[in-house]
PDBML (XML) file of the C-alpha atoms, coordinates in Angstrom:
<?xml version="1.0" encoding="UTF-8" ?>
<PDBx:datablock datablockName="MODEL"
   xmlns:PDBx="http://pdbml.pdb.org/schema/pdbx-v50.xsd"
   xmlns:xsi="http://www.w3.org/2001/XMLSchema-instance"
   xsi:schemaLocation="http://pdbml.pdb.org/schema/pdbx-v50.xsd pdbx-v50.xsd">
   <PDBx:atom_siteCategory>
      <PDBx:atom_site id="1">
         <PDBx:B_iso_or_equiv>0.00</PDBx:B_iso_or_equiv>
         <PDBx:Cartn_x>-34.974</PDBx:Cartn_x>
         <PDBx:Cartn_y>144.754</PDBx:Cartn_y>
         <PDBx:Cartn_z>44.751</PDBx:Cartn_z>
         <PDBx:auth_asym_id>A</PDBx:auth_asym_id>
         <PDBx:auth_atom_id>CA</PDBx:auth_atom_id>
         <PDBx:auth_comp_id>UNK</PDBx:auth_comp_id>
         <PDBx:auth_seq_id>1</PDBx:auth_seq_id>
         <PDBx:group_PDB>ATOM</PDBx:group_PDB>
         <PDBx:label_alt_id xsi:nil="true" />
         <PDBx:label_asym_id>A</PDBx:label_asym_id>
         <PDBx:label_atom_id>CA</PDBx:label_atom_id>
         <PDBx:label_comp_id>UNK</PDBx:label_comp_id>
         <PDBx:label_entity_id>1</PDBx:label_entity_id>
         <PDBx:label_seq_id>1</PDBx:label_seq_id>
         <PDBx:occupancy>1.00</PDBx:occupancy>
         <PDBx:pdbx_PDB_model_num>1</PDBx:pdbx_PDB_model_num>
         <PDBx:type_symbol>C</PDBx:type_symbol>
      </PDBx:atom_site>
      <PDBx:atom_site id="2">
         <PDBx:B_iso_or_equiv>0.00</PDBx:B_iso_or_equiv>
         <PDBx:Cartn_x>-38.069</PDBx:Cartn_x>
         <PDBx:Cartn_y>143.475</PDBx:Cartn_y>
         <PDBx:Cartn_z>42.993</PDBx:Cartn_z>
         <PDBx:auth_asym_id>A</PDBx:auth_asym_id>
         <PDBx:auth_atom_id>CA</PDBx:auth_atom_id>
         <PDBx:auth_comp_id>UNK</PDBx:auth_comp_id>
         <PDBx:auth_seq_id>2</PDBx:auth_seq_id>
         <PDBx:group_PDB>ATOM</PDBx:group_PDB>
         <PDBx:label_alt_id xsi:nil="true" />
         <PDBx:label_asym_id>A</PDBx:label_asym_id>
         <PDBx:label_atom_id>CA</PDBx:label_atom_id>
         <PDBx:label_comp_id>UNK</PDBx:label_comp_id>
         <PDBx:label_entity_id>1</PDBx:label_entity_id>
         <PDBx:label_seq_id>2</PDBx:label_seq_id>
         <PDBx:occupancy>1.00</PDBx:occupancy>
         <PDBx:pdbx_PDB_model_num>1</PDBx:pdbx_PDB_model_num>
         <PDBx:type_symbol>C</PDBx:type_symbol>
      </PDBx:atom_site>
      <PDBx:atom_site id="3">
         <PDBx:B_iso_or_equiv>0.00</PDBx:B_iso_or_equiv>
         <PDBx:Cartn_x>-36.473</PDBx:Cartn_x>
         <PDBx:Cartn_y>140.266</PDBx:Cartn_y>
         <PDBx:Cartn_z>41.804</PDBx:Cartn_z>
         <PDBx:auth_asym_id>A</PDBx:auth_asym_id>
         <PDBx:auth_atom_id>CA</PDBx:auth_atom_id>
         <PDBx:auth_comp_id>UNK</PDBx:auth_comp_id>
         <PDBx:auth_seq_id>3</PDBx:auth_seq_id>
         <PDBx:group_PDB>ATOM</PDBx:group_PDB>
         <PDBx:label_alt_id xsi:nil="true" />
         <PDBx:label_asym_id>A</PDBx:label_asym_id>
         <PDBx:label_atom_id>CA</PDBx:label_atom_id>
         <PDBx:label_comp_id>UNK</PDBx:label_comp_id>
         <PDBx:label_entity_id>1</PDBx:label_entity_id>
         <PDBx:label_seq_id>3</PDBx:label_seq_id>
         <PDBx:occupancy>1.00</PDBx:occupancy>
         <PDBx:pdbx_PDB_model_num>1</PDBx:pdbx_PDB_model_num>
         <PDBx:type_symbol>C</PDBx:type_symbol>
      </PDBx:atom_site>
      <PDBx:atom_site id="4">
         <PDBx:B_iso_or_equiv>0.00</PDBx:B_iso_or_equiv>
         <PDBx:Cartn_x>-36.730</PDBx:Cartn_x>
         <PDBx:Cartn_y>136.455</PDBx:Cartn_y>
         <PDBx:Cartn_z>41.876</PDBx:Cartn_z>
         <PDBx:auth_asym_id>A</PDBx:auth_asym_id>
         <PDBx:auth_atom_id>CA</PDBx:auth_atom_id>
         <PDBx:auth_comp_id>UNK</PDBx:auth_comp_id>
         <PDBx:auth_seq_id>4</PDBx:auth_seq_id>
         <PDBx:group_PDB>ATOM</PDBx:group_PDB>
         <PDBx:label_alt_id xsi:nil="true" />
         <PDBx:label_asym_id>A</PDBx:label_asym_id>
         <PDBx:label_atom_id>CA</PDBx:label_atom_id>
         <PDBx:label_comp_id>UNK</PDBx:label_comp_id>
         <PDBx:label_entity_id>1</PDBx:label_entity_id>
         <PDBx:label_seq_id>4</PDBx:label_seq_id>
         <PDBx:occupancy>1.00</PDBx:occupancy>
         <PDBx:pdbx_PDB_model_num>1</PDBx:pdbx_PDB_model_num>
         <PDBx:type_symbol>C</PDBx:type_symbol>
      </PDBx:atom_site>
      <PDBx:atom_site id="5">
         <PDBx:B_iso_or_equiv>0.00</PDBx:B_iso_or_equiv>
         <PDBx:Cartn_x>-40.502</PDBx:Cartn_x>
         <PDBx:Cartn_y>136.112</PDBx:Cartn_y>
         <PDBx:Cartn_z>41.703</PDBx:Cartn_z>
         <PDBx:auth_asym_id>A</PDBx:auth_asym_id>
         <PDBx:auth_atom_id>CA</PDBx:auth_atom_id>
         <PDBx:auth_comp_id>UNK</PDBx:auth_comp_id>
         <PDBx:auth_seq_id>5</PDBx:auth_seq_id>
         <PDBx:group_PDB>ATOM</PDBx:group_PDB>
         <PDBx:label_alt_id xsi:nil="true" />
         <PDBx:label_asym_id>A</PDBx:label_asym_id>
         <PDBx:label_atom_id>CA</PDBx:label_atom_id>
         <PDBx:label_comp_id>UNK</PDBx:label_comp_id>
         <PDBx:label_entity_id>1</PDBx:label_entity_id>
         <PDBx:label_seq_id>5</PDBx:label_seq_id>
         <PDBx:occupancy>1.00</PDBx:occupancy>
         <PDBx:pdbx_PDB_model_num>1</PDBx:pdbx_PDB_model_num>
         <PDBx:type_symbol>C</PDBx:type_symbol>
      </PDBx:atom_site>
      <PDBx:atom_site id="6">
         <PDBx:B_iso_or_equiv>0.00</PDBx:B_iso_or_equiv>
         <PDBx:Cartn_x>-43.004</PDBx:Cartn_x>
         <PDBx:Cartn_y>134.719</PDBx:Cartn_y>
         <PDBx:Cartn_z>39.209</PDBx:Cartn_z>
         <PDBx:auth_asym_id>A</PDBx:auth_asym_id>
         <PDBx:auth_atom_id>CA</PDBx:auth_atom_id>
         <PDBx:auth_comp_id>UNK</PDBx:auth_comp_id>
         <PDBx:auth_seq_id>6</PDBx:auth_seq_id>
         <PDBx:group_PDB>ATOM</PDBx:group_PDB>
         <PDBx:label_alt_id xsi:nil="true" />
         <PDBx:label_asym_id>A</PDBx:label_asym_id>
         <PDBx:label_atom_id>CA</PDBx:label_atom_id>
         <PDBx:label_comp_id>UNK</PDBx:label_comp_id>
         <PDBx:label_entity_id>1</PDBx:label_entity_id>
         <PDBx:label_seq_id>6</PDBx:label_seq_id>
         <PDBx:occupancy>1.00</PDBx:occupancy>
         <PDBx:pdbx_PDB_model_num>1</PDBx:pdbx_PDB_model_num>
         <PDBx:type_symbol>C</PDBx:type_symbol>
      </PDBx:atom_site>
      <PDBx:atom_site id="7">
         <PDBx:B_iso_or_equiv>0.00</PDBx:B_iso_or_equiv>
         <PDBx:Cartn_x>-44.094</PDBx:Cartn_x>
         <PDBx:Cartn_y>137.520</PDBx:Cartn_y>
         <PDBx:Cartn_z>36.886</PDBx:Cartn_z>
         <PDBx:auth_asym_id>A</PDBx:auth_asym_id>
         <PDBx:auth_atom_id>CA</PDBx:auth_atom_id>
         <PDBx:auth_comp_id>UNK</PDBx:auth_comp_id>
         <PDBx:auth_seq_id>7</PDBx:auth_seq_id>
         <PDBx:group_PDB>ATOM</PDBx:group_PDB>
         <PDBx:label_alt_id xsi:nil="true" />
         <PDBx:label_asym_id>A</PDBx:label_asym_id>
         <PDBx:label_atom_id>CA</PDBx:label_atom_id>
         <PDBx:label_comp_id>UNK</PDBx:label_comp_id>
         <PDBx:label_entity_id>1</PDBx:label_entity_id>
         <PDBx:label_seq_id>7</PDBx:label_seq_id>
         <PDBx:occupancy>1.00</PDBx:occupancy>
         <PDBx:pdbx_PDB_model_num>1</PDBx:pdbx_PDB_model_num>
         <PDBx:type_symbol>C</PDBx:type_symbol>
      </PDBx:atom_site>
      <PDBx:atom_site id="8">
         <PDBx:B_iso_or_equiv>0.00</PDBx:B_iso_or_equiv>
         <PDBx:Cartn_x>-46.999</PDBx:Cartn_x>
         <PDBx:Cartn_y>135.370</PDBx:Cartn_y>
         <PDBx:Cartn_z>35.707</PDBx:Cartn_z>
         <PDBx:auth_asym_id>A</PDBx:auth_asym_id>
         <PDBx:auth_atom_id>CA</PDBx:auth_atom_id>
         <PDBx:auth_comp_id>UNK</PDBx:auth_comp_id>
         <PDBx:auth_seq_id>8</PDBx:auth_seq_id>
         <PDBx:group_PDB>ATOM</PDBx:group_PDB>
         <PDBx:label_alt_id xsi:nil="true" />
         <PDBx:label_asym_id>A</PDBx:label_asym_id>
         <PDBx:label_atom_id>CA</PDBx:label_atom_id>
         <PDBx:label_comp_id>UNK</PDBx:label_comp_id>
         <PDBx:label_entity_id>1</PDBx:label_entity_id>
         <PDBx:label_seq_id>8</PDBx:label_seq_id>
         <PDBx:occupancy>1.00</PDBx:occupancy>
         <PDBx:pdbx_PDB_model_num>1</PDBx:pdbx_PDB_model_num>
         <PDBx:type_symbol>C</PDBx:type_symbol>
      </PDBx:atom_site>
      <PDBx:atom_site id="9">
         <PDBx:B_iso_or_equiv>0.00</PDBx:B_iso_or_equiv>
         <PDBx:Cartn_x>-48.703</PDBx:Cartn_x>
         <PDBx:Cartn_y>135.741</PDBx:Cartn_y>
         <PDBx:Cartn_z>39.089</PDBx:Cartn_z>
         <PDBx:auth_asym_id>A</PDBx:auth_asym_id>
         <PDBx:auth_atom_id>CA</PDBx:auth_atom_id>
         <PDBx:auth_comp_id>UNK</PDBx:auth_comp_id>
         <PDBx:auth_seq_id>9</PDBx:auth_seq_id>
         <PDBx:group_PDB>ATOM</PDBx:group_PDB>
         <PDBx:label_alt_id xsi:nil="true" />
         <PDBx:label_asym_id>A</PDBx:label_asym_id>
         <PDBx:label_atom_id>CA</PDBx:label_atom_id>
         <PDBx:label_comp_id>UNK</PDBx:label_comp_id>
         <PDBx:label_entity_id>1</PDBx:label_entity_id>
         <PDBx:label_seq_id>9</PDBx:label_seq_id>
         <PDBx:occupancy>1.00</PDBx:occupancy>
         <PDBx:pdbx_PDB_model_num>1</PDBx:pdbx_PDB_model_num>
         <PDBx:type_symbol>C</PDBx:type_symbol>
      </PDBx:atom_site>
      <PDBx:atom_site id="10">
         <PDBx:B_iso_or_equiv>0.00</PDBx:B_iso_or_equiv>
         <PDBx:Cartn_x>-50.880</PDBx:Cartn_x>
         <PDBx:Cartn_y>138.577</PDBx:Cartn_y>
         <PDBx:Cartn_z>37.839</PDBx:Cartn_z>
         <PDBx:auth_asym_id>A</PDBx:auth_asym_id>
         <PDBx:auth_atom_id>CA</PDBx:auth_atom_id>
         <PDBx:auth_comp_id>UNK</PDBx:auth_comp_id>
         <PDBx:auth_seq_id>10</PDBx:auth_seq_id>
         <PDBx:group_PDB>ATOM</PDBx:group_PDB>
         <PDBx:label_alt_id xsi:nil="true" />
         <PDBx:label_asym_id>A</PDBx:label_asym_id>
         <PDBx:label_atom_id>CA</PDBx:label_atom_id>
         <PDBx:label_comp_id>UNK</PDBx:label_comp_id>
         <PDBx:label_entity_id>1</PDBx:label_entity_id>
         <PDBx:label_seq_id>10</PDBx:label_seq_id>
         <PDBx:occupancy>1.00</PDBx:occupancy>
         <PDBx:pdbx_PDB_model_num>1</PDBx:pdbx_PDB_model_num>
         <PDBx:type_symbol>C</PDBx:type_symbol>
      </PDBx:atom_site>
      <PDBx:atom_site id="11">
         <PDBx:B_iso_or_equiv>0.00</PDBx:B_iso_or_equiv>
         <PDBx:Cartn_x>-54.629</PDBx:Cartn_x>
         <PDBx:Cartn_y>138.164</PDBx:Cartn_y>
         <PDBx:Cartn_z>38.368</PDBx:Cartn_z>
         <PDBx:auth_asym_id>A</PDBx:auth_asym_id>
         <PDBx:auth_atom_id>CA</PDBx:auth_atom_id>
         <PDBx:auth_comp_id>UNK</PDBx:auth_comp_id>
         <PDBx:auth_seq_id>11</PDBx:auth_seq_id>
         <PDBx:group_PDB>ATOM</PDBx:group_PDB>
         <PDBx:label_alt_id xsi:nil="true" />
         <PDBx:label_asym_id>A</PDBx:label_asym_id>
         <PDBx:label_atom_id>CA</PDBx:label_atom_id>
         <PDBx:label_comp_id>UNK</PDBx:label_comp_id>
         <PDBx:label_entity_id>1</PDBx:label_entity_id>
         <PDBx:label_seq_id>11</PDBx:label_seq_id>
         <PDBx:occupancy>1.00</PDBx:occupancy>
         <PDBx:pdbx_PDB_model_num>1</PDBx:pdbx_PDB_model_num>
         <PDBx:type_symbol>C</PDBx:type_symbol>
      </PDBx:atom_site>
      <PDBx:atom_site id="12">
         <PDBx:B_iso_or_equiv>0.00</PDBx:B_iso_or_equiv>
         <PDBx:Cartn_x>-55.697</PDBx:Cartn_x>
         <PDBx:Cartn_y>140.013</PDBx:Cartn_y>
         <PDBx:Cartn_z>35.225</PDBx:Cartn_z>
         <PDBx:auth_asym_id>A</PDBx:auth_asym_id>
         <PDBx:auth_atom_id>CA</PDBx:auth_atom_id>
         <PDBx:auth_comp_id>UNK</PDBx:auth_comp_id>
         <PDBx:auth_seq_id>12</PDBx:auth_seq_id>
         <PDBx:group_PDB>ATOM</PDBx:group_PDB>
         <PDBx:label_alt_id xsi:nil="true" />
         <PDBx:label_asym_id>A</PDBx:label_asym_id>
         <PDBx:label_atom_id>CA</PDBx:label_atom_id>
         <PDBx:label_comp_id>UNK</PDBx:label_comp_id>
         <PDBx:label_entity_id>1</PDBx:label_entity_id>
         <PDBx:label_seq_id>12</PDBx:label_seq_id>
         <PDBx:occupancy>1.00</PDBx:occupancy>
         <PDBx:pdbx_PDB_model_num>1</PDBx:pdbx_PDB_model_num>
         <PDBx:type_symbol>C</PDBx:type_symbol>
      </PDBx:atom_site>
      <PDBx:atom_site id="13">
         <PDBx:B_iso_or_equiv>0.00</PDBx:B_iso_or_equiv>
         <PDBx:Cartn_x>-53.672</PDBx:Cartn_x>
         <PDBx:Cartn_y>137.632</PDBx:Cartn_y>
         <PDBx:Cartn_z>33.018</PDBx:Cartn_z>
         <PDBx:auth_asym_id>A</PDBx:auth_asym_id>
         <PDBx:auth_atom_id>CA</PDBx:auth_atom_id>
         <PDBx:auth_comp_id>UNK</PDBx:auth_comp_id>
         <PDBx:auth_seq_id>13</PDBx:auth_seq_id>
         <PDBx:group_PDB>ATOM</PDBx:group_PDB>
         <PDBx:label_alt_id xsi:nil="true" />
         <PDBx:label_asym_id>A</PDBx:label_asym_id>
         <PDBx:label_atom_id>CA</PDBx:label_atom_id>
         <PDBx:label_comp_id>UNK</PDBx:label_comp_id>
         <PDBx:label_entity_id>1</PDBx:label_entity_id>
         <PDBx:label_seq_id>13</PDBx:label_seq_id>
         <PDBx:occupancy>1.00</PDBx:occupancy>
         <PDBx:pdbx_PDB_model_num>1</PDBx:pdbx_PDB_model_num>
         <PDBx:type_symbol>C</PDBx:type_symbol>
      </PDBx:atom_site>
      <PDBx:atom_site id="14">
         <PDBx:B_iso_or_equiv>0.00</PDBx:B_iso_or_equiv>
         <PDBx:Cartn_x>-54.540</PDBx:Cartn_x>
         <PDBx:Cartn_y>134.407</PDBx:Cartn_y>
         <PDBx:Cartn_z>34.819</PDBx:Cartn_z>
         <PDBx:auth_asym_id>A</PDBx:auth_asym_id>
         <PDBx:auth_atom_id>CA</PDBx:auth_atom_id>
         <PDBx:auth_comp_id>UNK</PDBx:auth_comp_id>
         <PDBx:auth_seq_id>14</PDBx:auth_seq_id>
         <PDBx:group_PDB>ATOM</PDBx:group_PDB>
         <PDBx:label_alt_id xsi:nil="true" />
         <PDBx:label_asym_id>A</PDBx:label_asym_id>
         <PDBx:label_atom_id>CA</PDBx:label_atom_id>
         <PDBx:label_comp_id>UNK</PDBx:label_comp_id>
         <PDBx:label_entity_id>1</PDBx:label_entity_id>
         <PDBx:label_seq_id>14</PDBx:label_seq_id>
         <PDBx:occupancy>1.00</PDBx:occupancy>
         <PDBx:pdbx_PDB_model_num>1</PDBx:pdbx_PDB_model_num>
         <PDBx:type_symbol>C</PDBx:type_symbol>
      </PDBx:atom_site>
      <PDBx:atom_site id="15">
         <PDBx:B_iso_or_equiv>0.00</PDBx:B_iso_or_equiv>
         <PDBx:Cartn_x>-58.229</PDBx:Cartn_x>
         <PDBx:Cartn_y>135.303</PDBx:Cartn_y>
         <PDBx:Cartn_z>34.864</PDBx:Cartn_z>
         <PDBx:auth_asym_id>A</PDBx:auth_asym_id>
         <PDBx:auth_atom_id>CA</PDBx:auth_atom_id>
         <PDBx:auth_comp_id>UNK</PDBx:auth_comp_id>
         <PDBx:auth_seq_id>15</PDBx:auth_seq_id>
         <PDBx:group_PDB>ATOM</PDBx:group_PDB>
         <PDBx:label_alt_id xsi:nil="true" />
         <PDBx:label_asym_id>A</PDBx:label_asym_id>
         <PDBx:label_atom_id>CA</PDBx:label_atom_id>
         <PDBx:label_comp_id>UNK</PDBx:label_comp_id>
         <PDBx:label_entity_id>1</PDBx:label_entity_id>
         <PDBx:label_seq_id>15</PDBx:label_seq_id>
         <PDBx:occupancy>1.00</PDBx:occupancy>
         <PDBx:pdbx_PDB_model_num>1</PDBx:pdbx_PDB_model_num>
         <PDBx:type_symbol>C</PDBx:type_symbol>
      </PDBx:atom_site>
      <PDBx:atom_site id="16">
         <PDBx:B_iso_or_equiv>0.00</PDBx:B_iso_or_equiv>
         <PDBx:Cartn_x>-58.233</PDBx:Cartn_x>
         <PDBx:Cartn_y>136.051</PDBx:Cartn_y>
         <PDBx:Cartn_z>31.118</PDBx:Cartn_z>
         <PDBx:auth_asym_id>A</PDBx:auth_asym_id>
         <PDBx:auth_atom_id>CA</PDBx:auth_atom_id>
         <PDBx:auth_comp_id>UNK</PDBx:auth_comp_id>
         <PDBx:auth_seq_id>16</PDBx:auth_seq_id>
         <PDBx:group_PDB>ATOM</PDBx:group_PDB>
         <PDBx:label_alt_id xsi:nil="true" />
         <PDBx:label_asym_id>A</PDBx:label_asym_id>
         <PDBx:label_atom_id>CA</PDBx:label_atom_id>
         <PDBx:label_comp_id>UNK</PDBx:label_comp_id>
         <PDBx:label_entity_id>1</PDBx:label_entity_id>
         <PDBx:label_seq_id>16</PDBx:label_seq_id>
         <PDBx:occupancy>1.00</PDBx:occupancy>
         <PDBx:pdbx_PDB_model_num>1</PDBx:pdbx_PDB_model_num>
         <PDBx:type_symbol>C</PDBx:type_symbol>
      </PDBx:atom_site>
      <PDBx:atom_site id="17">
         <PDBx:B_iso_or_equiv>0.00</PDBx:B_iso_or_equiv>
         <PDBx:Cartn_x>-56.788</PDBx:Cartn_x>
         <PDBx:Cartn_y>132.630</PDBx:Cartn_y>
         <PDBx:Cartn_z>30.323</PDBx:Cartn_z>
         <PDBx:auth_asym_id>A</PDBx:auth_asym_id>
         <PDBx:auth_atom_id>CA</PDBx:auth_atom_id>
         <PDBx:auth_comp_id>UNK</PDBx:auth_comp_id>
         <PDBx:auth_seq_id>17</PDBx:auth_seq_id>
         <PDBx:group_PDB>ATOM</PDBx:group_PDB>
         <PDBx:label_alt_id xsi:nil="true" />
         <PDBx:label_asym_id>A</PDBx:label_asym_id>
         <PDBx:label_atom_id>CA</PDBx:label_atom_id>
         <PDBx:label_comp_id>UNK</PDBx:label_comp_id>
         <PDBx:label_entity_id>1</PDBx:label_entity_id>
         <PDBx:label_seq_id>17</PDBx:label_seq_id>
         <PDBx:occupancy>1.00</PDBx:occupancy>
         <PDBx:pdbx_PDB_model_num>1</PDBx:pdbx_PDB_model_num>
         <PDBx:type_symbol>C</PDBx:type_symbol>
      </PDBx:atom_site>
      <PDBx:atom_site id="18">
         <PDBx:B_iso_or_equiv>0.00</PDBx:B_iso_or_equiv>
         <PDBx:Cartn_x>-59.212</PDBx:Cartn_x>
         <PDBx:Cartn_y>130.799</PDBx:Cartn_y>
         <PDBx:Cartn_z>32.597</PDBx:Cartn_z>
         <PDBx:auth_asym_id>A</PDBx:auth_asym_id>
         <PDBx:auth_atom_id>CA</PDBx:auth_atom_id>
         <PDBx:auth_comp_id>UNK</PDBx:auth_comp_id>
         <PDBx:auth_seq_id>18</PDBx:auth_seq_id>
         <PDBx:group_PDB>ATOM</PDBx:group_PDB>
         <PDBx:label_alt_id xsi:nil="true" />
         <PDBx:label_asym_id>A</PDBx:label_asym_id>
         <PDBx:label_atom_id>CA</PDBx:label_atom_id>
         <PDBx:label_comp_id>UNK</PDBx:label_comp_id>
         <PDBx:label_entity_id>1</PDBx:label_entity_id>
         <PDBx:label_seq_id>18</PDBx:label_seq_id>
         <PDBx:occupancy>1.00</PDBx:occupancy>
         <PDBx:pdbx_PDB_model_num>1</PDBx:pdbx_PDB_model_num>
         <PDBx:type_symbol>C</PDBx:type_symbol>
      </PDBx:atom_site>
      <PDBx:atom_site id="19">
         <PDBx:B_iso_or_equiv>0.00</PDBx:B_iso_or_equiv>
         <PDBx:Cartn_x>-62.159</PDBx:Cartn_x>
         <PDBx:Cartn_y>132.795</PDBx:Cartn_y>
         <PDBx:Cartn_z>31.256</PDBx:Cartn_z>
         <PDBx:auth_asym_id>A</PDBx:auth_asym_id>
         <PDBx:auth_atom_id>CA</PDBx:auth_atom_id>
         <PDBx:auth_comp_id>UNK</PDBx:auth_comp_id>
         <PDBx:auth_seq_id>19</PDBx:auth_seq_id>
         <PDBx:group_PDB>ATOM</PDBx:group_PDB>
         <PDBx:label_alt_id xsi:nil="true" />
         <PDBx:label_asym_id>A</PDBx:label_asym_id>
         <PDBx:label_atom_id>CA</PDBx:label_atom_id>
         <PDBx:label_comp_id>UNK</PDBx:label_comp_id>
         <PDBx:label_entity_id>1</PDBx:label_entity_id>
         <PDBx:label_seq_id>19</PDBx:label_seq_id>
         <PDBx:occupancy>1.00</PDBx:occupancy>
         <PDBx:pdbx_PDB_model_num>1</PDBx:pdbx_PDB_model_num>
         <PDBx:type_symbol>C</PDBx:type_symbol>
      </PDBx:atom_site>
      <PDBx:atom_site id="20">
         <PDBx:B_iso_or_equiv>0.00</PDBx:B_iso_or_equiv>
         <PDBx:Cartn_x>-61.307</PDBx:Cartn_x>
         <PDBx:Cartn_y>131.719</PDBx:Cartn_y>
         <PDBx:Cartn_z>27.708</PDBx:Cartn_z>
         <PDBx:auth_asym_id>A</PDBx:auth_asym_id>
         <PDBx:auth_atom_id>CA</PDBx:auth_atom_id>
         <PDBx:auth_comp_id>UNK</PDBx:auth_comp_id>
         <PDBx:auth_seq_id>20</PDBx:auth_seq_id>
         <PDBx:group_PDB>ATOM</PDBx:group_PDB>
         <PDBx:label_alt_id xsi:nil="true" />
         <PDBx:label_asym_id>A</PDBx:label_asym_id>
         <PDBx:label_atom_id>CA</PDBx:label_atom_id>
         <PDBx:label_comp_id>UNK</PDBx:label_comp_id>
         <PDBx:label_entity_id>1</PDBx:label_entity_id>
         <PDBx:label_seq_id>20</PDBx:label_seq_id>
         <PDBx:occupancy>1.00</PDBx:occupancy>
         <PDBx:pdbx_PDB_model_num>1</PDBx:pdbx_PDB_model_num>
         <PDBx:type_symbol>C</PDBx:type_symbol>
      </PDBx:atom_site>
      <PDBx:atom_site id="21">
         <PDBx:B_iso_or_equiv>0.00</PDBx:B_iso_or_equiv>
         <PDBx:Cartn_x>-60.742</PDBx:Cartn_x>
         <PDBx:Cartn_y>128.090</PDBx:Cartn_y>
         <PDBx:Cartn_z>28.684</PDBx:Cartn_z>
         <PDBx:auth_asym_id>A</PDBx:auth_asym_id>
         <PDBx:auth_atom_id>CA</PDBx:auth_atom_id>
         <PDBx:auth_comp_id>UNK</PDBx:auth_comp_id>
         <PDBx:auth_seq_id>21</PDBx:auth_seq_id>
         <PDBx:group_PDB>ATOM</PDBx:group_PDB>
         <PDBx:label_alt_id xsi:nil="true" />
         <PDBx:label_asym_id>A</PDBx:label_asym_id>
         <PDBx:label_atom_id>CA</PDBx:label_atom_id>
         <PDBx:label_comp_id>UNK</PDBx:label_comp_id>
         <PDBx:label_entity_id>1</PDBx:label_entity_id>
         <PDBx:label_seq_id>21</PDBx:label_seq_id>
         <PDBx:occupancy>1.00</PDBx:occupancy>
         <PDBx:pdbx_PDB_model_num>1</PDBx:pdbx_PDB_model_num>
         <PDBx:type_symbol>C</PDBx:type_symbol>
      </PDBx:atom_site>
      <PDBx:atom_site id="22">
         <PDBx:B_iso_or_equiv>0.00</PDBx:B_iso_or_equiv>
         <PDBx:Cartn_x>-56.986</PDBx:Cartn_x>
         <PDBx:Cartn_y>128.284</PDBx:Cartn_y>
         <PDBx:Cartn_z>28.042</PDBx:Cartn_z>
         <PDBx:auth_asym_id>A</PDBx:auth_asym_id>
         <PDBx:auth_atom_id>CA</PDBx:auth_atom_id>
         <PDBx:auth_comp_id>UNK</PDBx:auth_comp_id>
         <PDBx:auth_seq_id>22</PDBx:auth_seq_id>
         <PDBx:group_PDB>ATOM</PDBx:group_PDB>
         <PDBx:label_alt_id xsi:nil="true" />
         <PDBx:label_asym_id>A</PDBx:label_asym_id>
         <PDBx:label_atom_id>CA</PDBx:label_atom_id>
         <PDBx:label_comp_id>UNK</PDBx:label_comp_id>
         <PDBx:label_entity_id>1</PDBx:label_entity_id>
         <PDBx:label_seq_id>22</PDBx:label_seq_id>
         <PDBx:occupancy>1.00</PDBx:occupancy>
         <PDBx:pdbx_PDB_model_num>1</PDBx:pdbx_PDB_model_num>
         <PDBx:type_symbol>C</PDBx:type_symbol>
      </PDBx:atom_site>
      <PDBx:atom_site id="23">
         <PDBx:B_iso_or_equiv>0.00</PDBx:B_iso_or_equiv>
         <PDBx:Cartn_x>-55.844</PDBx:Cartn_x>
         <PDBx:Cartn_y>126.644</PDBx:Cartn_y>
         <PDBx:Cartn_z>31.280</PDBx:Cartn_z>
         <PDBx:auth_asym_id>A</PDBx:auth_asym_id>
         <PDBx:auth_atom_id>CA</PDBx:auth_atom_id>
         <PDBx:auth_comp_id>UNK</PDBx:auth_comp_id>
         <PDBx:auth_seq_id>23</PDBx:auth_seq_id>
         <PDBx:group_PDB>ATOM</PDBx:group_PDB>
         <PDBx:label_alt_id xsi:nil="true" />
         <PDBx:label_asym_id>A</PDBx:label_asym_id>
         <PDBx:label_atom_id>CA</PDBx:label_atom_id>
         <PDBx:label_comp_id>UNK</PDBx:label_comp_id>
         <PDBx:label_entity_id>1</PDBx:label_entity_id>
         <PDBx:label_seq_id>23</PDBx:label_seq_id>
         <PDBx:occupancy>1.00</PDBx:occupancy>
         <PDBx:pdbx_PDB_model_num>1</PDBx:pdbx_PDB_model_num>
         <PDBx:type_symbol>C</PDBx:type_symbol>
      </PDBx:atom_site>
      <PDBx:atom_site id="24">
         <PDBx:B_iso_or_equiv>0.00</PDBx:B_iso_or_equiv>
         <PDBx:Cartn_x>-53.544</PDBx:Cartn_x>
         <PDBx:Cartn_y>124.394</PDBx:Cartn_y>
         <PDBx:Cartn_z>29.236</PDBx:Cartn_z>
         <PDBx:auth_asym_id>A</PDBx:auth_asym_id>
         <PDBx:auth_atom_id>CA</PDBx:auth_atom_id>
         <PDBx:auth_comp_id>UNK</PDBx:auth_comp_id>
         <PDBx:auth_seq_id>24</PDBx:auth_seq_id>
         <PDBx:group_PDB>ATOM</PDBx:group_PDB>
         <PDBx:label_alt_id xsi:nil="true" />
         <PDBx:label_asym_id>A</PDBx:label_asym_id>
         <PDBx:label_atom_id>CA</PDBx:label_atom_id>
         <PDBx:label_comp_id>UNK</PDBx:label_comp_id>
         <PDBx:label_entity_id>1</PDBx:label_entity_id>
         <PDBx:label_seq_id>24</PDBx:label_seq_id>
         <PDBx:occupancy>1.00</PDBx:occupancy>
         <PDBx:pdbx_PDB_model_num>1</PDBx:pdbx_PDB_model_num>
         <PDBx:type_symbol>C</PDBx:type_symbol>
      </PDBx:atom_site>
      <PDBx:atom_site id="25">
         <PDBx:B_iso_or_equiv>0.00</PDBx:B_iso_or_equiv>
         <PDBx:Cartn_x>-51.250</PDBx:Cartn_x>
         <PDBx:Cartn_y>127.421</PDBx:Cartn_y>
         <PDBx:Cartn_z>28.817</PDBx:Cartn_z>
         <PDBx:auth_asym_id>A</PDBx:auth_asym_id>
         <PDBx:auth_atom_id>CA</PDBx:auth_atom_id>
         <PDBx:auth_comp_id>UNK</PDBx:auth_comp_id>
         <PDBx:auth_seq_id>25</PDBx:auth_seq_id>
         <PDBx:group_PDB>ATOM</PDBx:group_PDB>
         <PDBx:label_alt_id xsi:nil="true" />
         <PDBx:label_asym_id>A</PDBx:label_asym_id>
         <PDBx:label_atom_id>CA</PDBx:label_atom_id>
         <PDBx:label_comp_id>UNK</PDBx:label_comp_id>
         <PDBx:label_entity_id>1</PDBx:label_entity_id>
         <PDBx:label_seq_id>25</PDBx:label_seq_id>
         <PDBx:occupancy>1.00</PDBx:occupancy>
         <PDBx:pdbx_PDB_model_num>1</PDBx:pdbx_PDB_model_num>
         <PDBx:type_symbol>C</PDBx:type_symbol>
      </PDBx:atom_site>
   </PDBx:atom_siteCategory>
</PDBx:datablock>
């Protein structure tokens, strides 16, 4: 099963936040 992992670990999302300067989120 694809379960019990961090769904936020997605490069396209993390890179978008860092690119905008939204690391606080």
